[in-house]
């Protein structure tokens, strides 16, 4: 039976515990951003993107509104308001037998939200790189 990391994921989001990402992400993880056209490969870059997302998305209005969970994957639909823009998106997460996340894909709507997140994530990632 495959360990399901979604309970841990929800706890990290709730507590805004970016340090907990290290234990949850597999070494060979791949992150798919809604604004970067190439997959981001590896634990380090995946953790960096998810850490930035915690700071950008995880405000008091953030909430998951629907979940579809399978044996090795899940789709978590979320809603959040940032700078007066209502954002709707999904986190598509796959994991391995050890319960480590091996793929994390984010999709967003509407276009206004994609543009805003592109700017905000770019600024946050720049902070982490300096």
N, C-alpha and C. Protein backbone atom coordinates (compact mmCIF):
# COMPACT_ATOMS: atom_id res chain seq x y z
N UNK A 1 0.84 -1.18 0.00
CA UNK A 1 0.00 0.00 0.00
C UNK A 1 0.88 1.25 0.00
N UNK A 2 0.48 2.23 -0.75
CA UNK A 2 1.23 3.47 -0.89
C UNK A 2 0.86 4.45 0.21
N UNK A 3 1.89 5.05 0.82
CA UNK A 3 1.63 6.08 1.84
C UNK A 3 1.09 7.33 1.15
N UNK A 4 0.07 7.95 1.73
CA UNK A 4 -0.56 9.13 1.16
C UNK A 4 -0.07 10.38 1.88
N UNK A 5 0.64 11.29 1.18
CA UNK A 5 1.19 12.48 1.82
C UNK A 5 0.23 13.67 1.93
N UNK A 6 -0.99 13.53 1.49
CA UNK A 6 -1.90 14.67 1.43
C UNK A 6 -2.25 15.20 2.83
N UNK A 7 -2.37 14.31 3.80
CA UNK A 7 -2.64 14.77 5.17
C UNK A 7 -1.47 15.64 5.65
N UNK A 8 -0.25 15.17 5.40
CA UNK A 8 0.94 15.97 5.76
C UNK A 8 0.95 17.29 5.02
N UNK A 9 0.62 17.27 3.72
CA UNK A 9 0.59 18.49 2.91
C UNK A 9 -0.36 19.51 3.54
N UNK A 10 -1.57 19.06 3.89
CA UNK A 10 -2.54 19.96 4.49
C UNK A 10 -2.02 20.56 5.80
N UNK A 11 -1.33 19.76 6.58
CA UNK A 11 -0.78 20.25 7.85
C UNK A 11 0.30 21.31 7.59
N UNK A 12 1.15 21.08 6.60
CA UNK A 12 2.18 22.07 6.26
C UNK A 12 1.56 23.38 5.80
N UNK A 13 0.53 23.29 4.97
CA UNK A 13 -0.16 24.49 4.49
C UNK A 13 -0.81 25.22 5.66
N UNK A 14 -1.48 24.47 6.52
CA UNK A 14 -2.19 25.06 7.65
C UNK A 14 -1.22 25.79 8.59
N UNK A 15 -0.08 25.17 8.86
CA UNK A 15 0.88 25.74 9.81
C UNK A 15 1.94 26.60 9.13
N UNK A 16 1.88 26.67 7.79
CA UNK A 16 2.85 27.43 6.99
C UNK A 16 4.28 26.98 7.29
N UNK A 17 4.45 25.67 7.41
CA UNK A 17 5.72 25.05 7.78
C UNK A 17 6.53 24.70 6.53
N UNK A 18 7.29 25.65 6.01
CA UNK A 18 8.09 25.39 4.81
C UNK A 18 9.23 24.41 5.10
N UNK A 19 9.70 24.34 6.33
CA UNK A 19 10.78 23.40 6.66
C UNK A 19 10.31 21.95 6.51
N UNK A 20 9.03 21.72 6.72
CA UNK A 20 8.48 20.38 6.58
C UNK A 20 8.48 19.86 5.15
N UNK A 21 8.67 20.75 4.18
CA UNK A 21 8.70 20.33 2.78
C UNK A 21 9.86 19.37 2.51
N UNK A 22 10.98 19.56 3.18
CA UNK A 22 12.16 18.72 2.96
C UNK A 22 11.84 17.24 3.12
N UNK A 23 11.05 16.91 4.11
CA UNK A 23 10.71 15.51 4.39
C UNK A 23 9.65 14.97 3.44
N UNK A 24 8.94 15.84 2.76
CA UNK A 24 7.80 15.43 1.94
C UNK A 24 8.14 15.29 0.45
N UNK A 25 9.20 15.95 0.01
CA UNK A 25 9.55 15.99 -1.41
C UNK A 25 10.61 14.93 -1.73
N UNK A 26 10.38 14.16 -2.79
CA UNK A 26 11.34 13.14 -3.23
C UNK A 26 12.52 13.81 -3.93
N UNK A 27 13.66 13.13 -3.91
CA UNK A 27 14.87 13.67 -4.55
C UNK A 27 14.66 13.92 -6.04
N UNK A 28 13.86 13.09 -6.70
CA UNK A 28 13.65 13.21 -8.14
C UNK A 28 12.36 13.95 -8.49
N UNK A 29 11.85 14.76 -7.58
CA UNK A 29 10.59 15.48 -7.80
C UNK A 29 10.68 16.41 -9.00
N UNK A 30 9.52 16.64 -9.61
CA UNK A 30 9.40 17.57 -10.74
C UNK A 30 8.27 18.54 -10.42
N UNK A 31 8.57 19.84 -10.60
CA UNK A 31 7.56 20.88 -10.37
C UNK A 31 7.17 21.50 -11.71
N UNK A 32 5.86 21.60 -11.95
CA UNK A 32 5.33 22.23 -13.15
C UNK A 32 4.62 23.51 -12.73
N UNK A 33 5.17 24.63 -13.16
CA UNK A 33 4.63 25.94 -12.82
C UNK A 33 3.64 26.38 -13.88
N UNK A 34 2.65 27.16 -13.49
CA UNK A 34 1.72 27.70 -14.51
C UNK A 34 2.35 28.79 -15.36
N UNK A 35 3.53 29.26 -14.98
CA UNK A 35 4.13 30.38 -15.72
C UNK A 35 5.52 30.07 -16.28
N UNK A 36 6.06 28.89 -16.01
CA UNK A 36 7.36 28.50 -16.54
C UNK A 36 7.13 27.32 -17.48
N UNK A 37 7.62 27.43 -18.73
CA UNK A 37 7.26 26.42 -19.72
C UNK A 37 8.03 25.11 -19.60
N UNK A 38 9.11 25.08 -18.82
CA UNK A 38 9.87 23.84 -18.67
C UNK A 38 9.66 23.27 -17.27
N UNK A 39 9.65 21.95 -17.17
CA UNK A 39 9.55 21.33 -15.84
C UNK A 39 10.79 21.69 -15.02
N UNK A 40 10.58 21.88 -13.74
CA UNK A 40 11.67 22.17 -12.81
C UNK A 40 11.99 20.85 -12.10
N UNK A 41 13.17 20.30 -12.35
CA UNK A 41 13.49 18.95 -11.94
C UNK A 41 14.43 18.93 -10.73
N UNK A 42 14.05 18.15 -9.73
CA UNK A 42 14.88 17.92 -8.56
C UNK A 42 14.25 18.45 -7.28
N UNK A 43 14.66 17.86 -6.17
CA UNK A 43 14.12 18.23 -4.87
C UNK A 43 14.40 19.70 -4.53
N UNK A 44 15.60 20.15 -4.80
CA UNK A 44 15.99 21.51 -4.44
C UNK A 44 15.11 22.57 -5.11
N UNK A 45 14.97 22.48 -6.42
CA UNK A 45 14.19 23.50 -7.15
C UNK A 45 12.69 23.35 -6.84
N UNK A 46 12.21 22.12 -6.69
CA UNK A 46 10.80 21.90 -6.34
C UNK A 46 10.51 22.50 -4.98
N UNK A 47 11.40 22.28 -4.03
CA UNK A 47 11.23 22.85 -2.69
C UNK A 47 11.28 24.37 -2.74
N UNK A 48 12.15 24.91 -3.56
CA UNK A 48 12.26 26.37 -3.69
C UNK A 48 10.95 26.97 -4.23
N UNK A 49 10.38 26.35 -5.27
CA UNK A 49 9.12 26.84 -5.83
C UNK A 49 7.98 26.73 -4.83
N UNK A 50 7.91 25.60 -4.13
CA UNK A 50 6.82 25.42 -3.17
C UNK A 50 6.97 26.35 -1.97
N UNK A 51 8.21 26.61 -1.56
CA UNK A 51 8.45 27.57 -0.48
C UNK A 51 7.99 28.96 -0.90
N UNK A 52 8.34 29.38 -2.11
CA UNK A 52 7.89 30.68 -2.63
C UNK A 52 6.37 30.73 -2.69
N UNK A 53 5.75 29.64 -3.12
CA UNK A 53 4.29 29.58 -3.20
C UNK A 53 3.64 29.73 -1.83
N UNK A 54 4.26 29.15 -0.80
CA UNK A 54 3.73 29.31 0.56
C UNK A 54 3.63 30.79 0.92
N UNK A 55 4.64 31.56 0.57
CA UNK A 55 4.64 32.99 0.90
C UNK A 55 3.68 33.78 0.02
N UNK A 56 3.54 33.40 -1.24
CA UNK A 56 2.68 34.15 -2.17
C UNK A 56 1.20 33.80 -1.99
N UNK A 57 0.89 32.52 -1.91
CA UNK A 57 -0.51 32.08 -1.90
C UNK A 57 -1.13 31.97 -0.51
N UNK A 58 -0.34 31.60 0.47
CA UNK A 58 -0.89 31.14 1.73
C UNK A 58 -1.27 32.29 2.67
N UNK A 59 -2.28 33.05 2.26
CA UNK A 59 -2.81 34.10 3.14
C UNK A 59 -4.09 33.60 3.81
N UNK A 60 -4.74 34.46 4.55
CA UNK A 60 -5.93 34.05 5.31
C UNK A 60 -7.12 33.64 4.43
N UNK A 61 -7.10 34.05 3.16
CA UNK A 61 -8.22 33.70 2.29
C UNK A 61 -8.01 32.36 1.58
N UNK A 62 -6.81 31.81 1.64
CA UNK A 62 -6.52 30.55 0.94
C UNK A 62 -7.31 29.40 1.54
N UNK A 63 -7.95 28.62 0.66
CA UNK A 63 -8.65 27.42 1.13
C UNK A 63 -8.78 26.41 0.00
N UNK A 64 -8.65 25.15 0.37
CA UNK A 64 -8.94 24.08 -0.57
C UNK A 64 -10.45 23.86 -0.54
N UNK A 65 -11.05 23.77 -1.73
CA UNK A 65 -12.51 23.66 -1.81
C UNK A 65 -12.98 22.31 -2.35
N UNK A 66 -12.04 21.53 -2.93
CA UNK A 66 -12.42 20.21 -3.43
C UNK A 66 -11.16 19.36 -3.56
N UNK A 67 -11.32 18.07 -3.33
CA UNK A 67 -10.21 17.13 -3.46
C UNK A 67 -10.68 15.87 -4.17
N UNK A 68 -9.84 15.38 -5.06
CA UNK A 68 -10.04 14.08 -5.67
C UNK A 68 -8.74 13.32 -5.42
N UNK A 69 -8.82 12.25 -4.65
CA UNK A 69 -7.62 11.55 -4.23
C UNK A 69 -7.65 10.10 -4.71
N UNK A 70 -6.58 9.71 -5.37
CA UNK A 70 -6.41 8.33 -5.84
C UNK A 70 -5.36 7.62 -5.02
N UNK A 71 -4.91 6.47 -5.53
CA UNK A 71 -3.93 5.67 -4.81
C UNK A 71 -2.55 6.32 -4.78
N UNK A 72 -2.18 7.01 -5.86
CA UNK A 72 -0.85 7.64 -5.94
C UNK A 72 -0.89 9.09 -6.39
N UNK A 73 -2.07 9.66 -6.42
CA UNK A 73 -2.17 11.05 -6.87
C UNK A 73 -3.41 11.73 -6.32
N UNK A 74 -3.39 13.06 -6.41
CA UNK A 74 -4.53 13.84 -5.92
C UNK A 74 -4.61 15.13 -6.71
N UNK A 75 -5.82 15.64 -6.82
CA UNK A 75 -6.07 16.96 -7.38
C UNK A 75 -6.78 17.76 -6.28
N UNK A 76 -6.17 18.86 -5.89
CA UNK A 76 -6.71 19.70 -4.83
C UNK A 76 -7.06 21.06 -5.44
N UNK A 77 -8.34 21.37 -5.48
CA UNK A 77 -8.77 22.67 -6.02
C UNK A 77 -8.74 23.69 -4.90
N UNK A 78 -8.21 24.89 -5.22
CA UNK A 78 -8.13 25.93 -4.21
C UNK A 78 -8.68 27.25 -4.72
N UNK A 79 -8.98 28.11 -3.75
CA UNK A 79 -9.38 29.49 -4.02
C UNK A 79 -8.59 30.38 -3.08
N UNK A 80 -8.23 31.56 -3.58
CA UNK A 80 -7.50 32.54 -2.77
C UNK A 80 -7.73 33.91 -3.41
N UNK A 81 -7.67 34.95 -2.59
CA UNK A 81 -7.73 36.31 -3.11
C UNK A 81 -6.41 36.99 -2.80
N UNK A 82 -5.81 37.56 -3.85
CA UNK A 82 -4.54 38.27 -3.71
C UNK A 82 -4.66 39.59 -4.46
N UNK A 83 -4.36 40.67 -3.77
CA UNK A 83 -4.44 42.01 -4.36
C UNK A 83 -5.78 42.27 -5.06
N UNK A 84 -6.87 41.81 -4.44
CA UNK A 84 -8.20 42.04 -4.98
C UNK A 84 -8.58 41.15 -6.15
N UNK A 85 -7.74 40.19 -6.50
CA UNK A 85 -8.03 39.27 -7.60
C UNK A 85 -8.41 37.91 -7.02
N UNK A 86 -9.58 37.42 -7.40
CA UNK A 86 -10.01 36.08 -6.99
C UNK A 86 -9.33 35.06 -7.89
N UNK A 87 -8.59 34.16 -7.28
CA UNK A 87 -7.82 33.16 -8.01
C UNK A 87 -8.41 31.79 -7.72
N UNK A 88 -8.54 31.00 -8.77
CA UNK A 88 -8.99 29.62 -8.66
C UNK A 88 -7.91 28.77 -9.31
N UNK A 89 -7.56 27.68 -8.65
CA UNK A 89 -6.51 26.83 -9.22
C UNK A 89 -6.58 25.42 -8.69
N UNK A 90 -5.67 24.60 -9.21
CA UNK A 90 -5.56 23.23 -8.74
C UNK A 90 -4.09 22.88 -8.53
N UNK A 91 -3.85 22.10 -7.49
CA UNK A 91 -2.57 21.45 -7.26
C UNK A 91 -2.76 20.00 -7.64
N UNK A 92 -1.98 19.53 -8.60
CA UNK A 92 -2.02 18.13 -9.02
C UNK A 92 -0.76 17.48 -8.49
N UNK A 93 -0.92 16.52 -7.59
CA UNK A 93 0.20 15.96 -6.84
C UNK A 93 0.26 14.44 -7.05
N UNK A 94 1.49 13.96 -7.37
CA UNK A 94 1.73 12.51 -7.46
C UNK A 94 2.81 12.14 -6.46
N UNK A 95 2.72 10.92 -5.92
CA UNK A 95 3.71 10.48 -4.96
C UNK A 95 4.12 9.04 -5.21
N UNK A 96 5.25 8.67 -4.60
CA UNK A 96 5.79 7.32 -4.74
C UNK A 96 5.33 6.42 -3.59
N UNK A 97 5.82 5.18 -3.58
CA UNK A 97 5.42 4.21 -2.54
C UNK A 97 5.79 4.68 -1.14
N UNK A 98 6.85 5.47 -1.03
CA UNK A 98 7.30 5.95 0.27
C UNK A 98 6.48 7.16 0.75
N UNK A 99 5.54 7.62 -0.07
CA UNK A 99 4.73 8.77 0.31
C UNK A 99 5.43 10.10 0.09
N UNK A 100 6.45 10.09 -0.75
CA UNK A 100 7.18 11.32 -1.09
C UNK A 100 6.61 11.88 -2.39
N UNK A 101 6.43 13.18 -2.44
CA UNK A 101 5.90 13.82 -3.64
C UNK A 101 6.93 13.77 -4.75
N UNK A 102 6.53 13.22 -5.91
CA UNK A 102 7.42 13.11 -7.06
C UNK A 102 7.02 14.06 -8.19
N UNK A 103 5.79 14.58 -8.12
CA UNK A 103 5.35 15.54 -9.14
C UNK A 103 4.33 16.49 -8.52
N UNK A 104 4.54 17.77 -8.79
CA UNK A 104 3.63 18.80 -8.29
C UNK A 104 3.36 19.76 -9.43
N UNK A 105 2.11 19.83 -9.86
CA UNK A 105 1.73 20.68 -10.99
C UNK A 105 0.66 21.66 -10.52
N UNK A 106 0.86 22.94 -10.83
CA UNK A 106 -0.10 23.98 -10.44
C UNK A 106 -0.72 24.56 -11.70
N UNK A 107 -2.03 24.69 -11.69
CA UNK A 107 -2.76 25.34 -12.78
C UNK A 107 -3.63 26.42 -12.17
N UNK A 108 -3.71 27.58 -12.86
CA UNK A 108 -4.43 28.75 -12.34
C UNK A 108 -5.36 29.34 -13.38
N UNK A 109 -6.35 30.08 -12.88
CA UNK A 109 -7.21 30.90 -13.70
C UNK A 109 -7.68 32.07 -12.85
N UNK A 110 -8.11 33.14 -13.35
CA UNK A 110 -8.12 33.58 -14.75
C UNK A 110 -6.74 34.15 -15.15
N UNK A 111 -6.66 34.64 -16.37
CA UNK A 111 -5.40 35.16 -16.90
C UNK A 111 -4.82 36.27 -16.02
N UNK A 112 -5.68 37.13 -15.50
CA UNK A 112 -5.23 38.18 -14.57
C UNK A 112 -4.47 37.59 -13.39
N UNK A 113 -4.96 36.47 -12.89
CA UNK A 113 -4.32 35.80 -11.77
C UNK A 113 -2.97 35.22 -12.18
N UNK A 114 -2.90 34.62 -13.37
CA UNK A 114 -1.65 34.06 -13.86
C UNK A 114 -0.59 35.16 -13.95
N UNK A 115 -0.97 36.31 -14.49
CA UNK A 115 -0.03 37.42 -14.62
C UNK A 115 0.44 37.92 -13.26
N UNK A 116 -0.48 38.05 -12.32
CA UNK A 116 -0.13 38.50 -10.98
C UNK A 116 0.82 37.50 -10.30
N UNK A 117 0.49 36.23 -10.38
CA UNK A 117 1.32 35.21 -9.74
C UNK A 117 2.69 35.14 -10.40
N UNK A 118 2.74 35.32 -11.70
CA UNK A 118 4.02 35.35 -12.41
C UNK A 118 4.93 36.42 -11.80
N UNK A 119 4.41 37.60 -11.60
CA UNK A 119 5.19 38.69 -11.01
C UNK A 119 5.60 38.38 -9.57
N UNK A 120 4.63 37.95 -8.77
CA UNK A 120 4.89 37.71 -7.35
C UNK A 120 5.85 36.54 -7.11
N UNK A 121 5.66 35.46 -7.85
CA UNK A 121 6.56 34.31 -7.70
C UNK A 121 7.96 34.67 -8.18
N UNK A 122 8.05 35.42 -9.27
CA UNK A 122 9.36 35.85 -9.77
C UNK A 122 10.10 36.64 -8.73
N UNK A 123 9.42 37.58 -8.08
CA UNK A 123 10.04 38.40 -7.03
C UNK A 123 10.45 37.55 -5.83
N UNK A 124 9.61 36.61 -5.45
CA UNK A 124 9.91 35.76 -4.29
C UNK A 124 11.09 34.84 -4.60
N UNK A 125 11.11 34.25 -5.78
CA UNK A 125 12.22 33.37 -6.15
C UNK A 125 13.53 34.14 -6.24
N UNK A 126 13.44 35.39 -6.69
CA UNK A 126 14.63 36.24 -6.75
C UNK A 126 15.19 36.48 -5.35
N UNK A 127 14.31 36.67 -4.38
CA UNK A 127 14.73 36.85 -2.98
C UNK A 127 15.51 35.64 -2.48
N UNK A 128 15.00 34.44 -2.83
CA UNK A 128 15.64 33.21 -2.37
C UNK A 128 16.98 32.97 -3.06
N UNK A 129 17.16 33.55 -4.25
CA UNK A 129 18.40 33.36 -5.00
C UNK A 129 19.48 34.34 -4.59
N UNK A 130 19.11 35.43 -3.89
CA UNK A 130 20.12 36.41 -3.53
C UNK A 130 20.79 36.10 -2.22
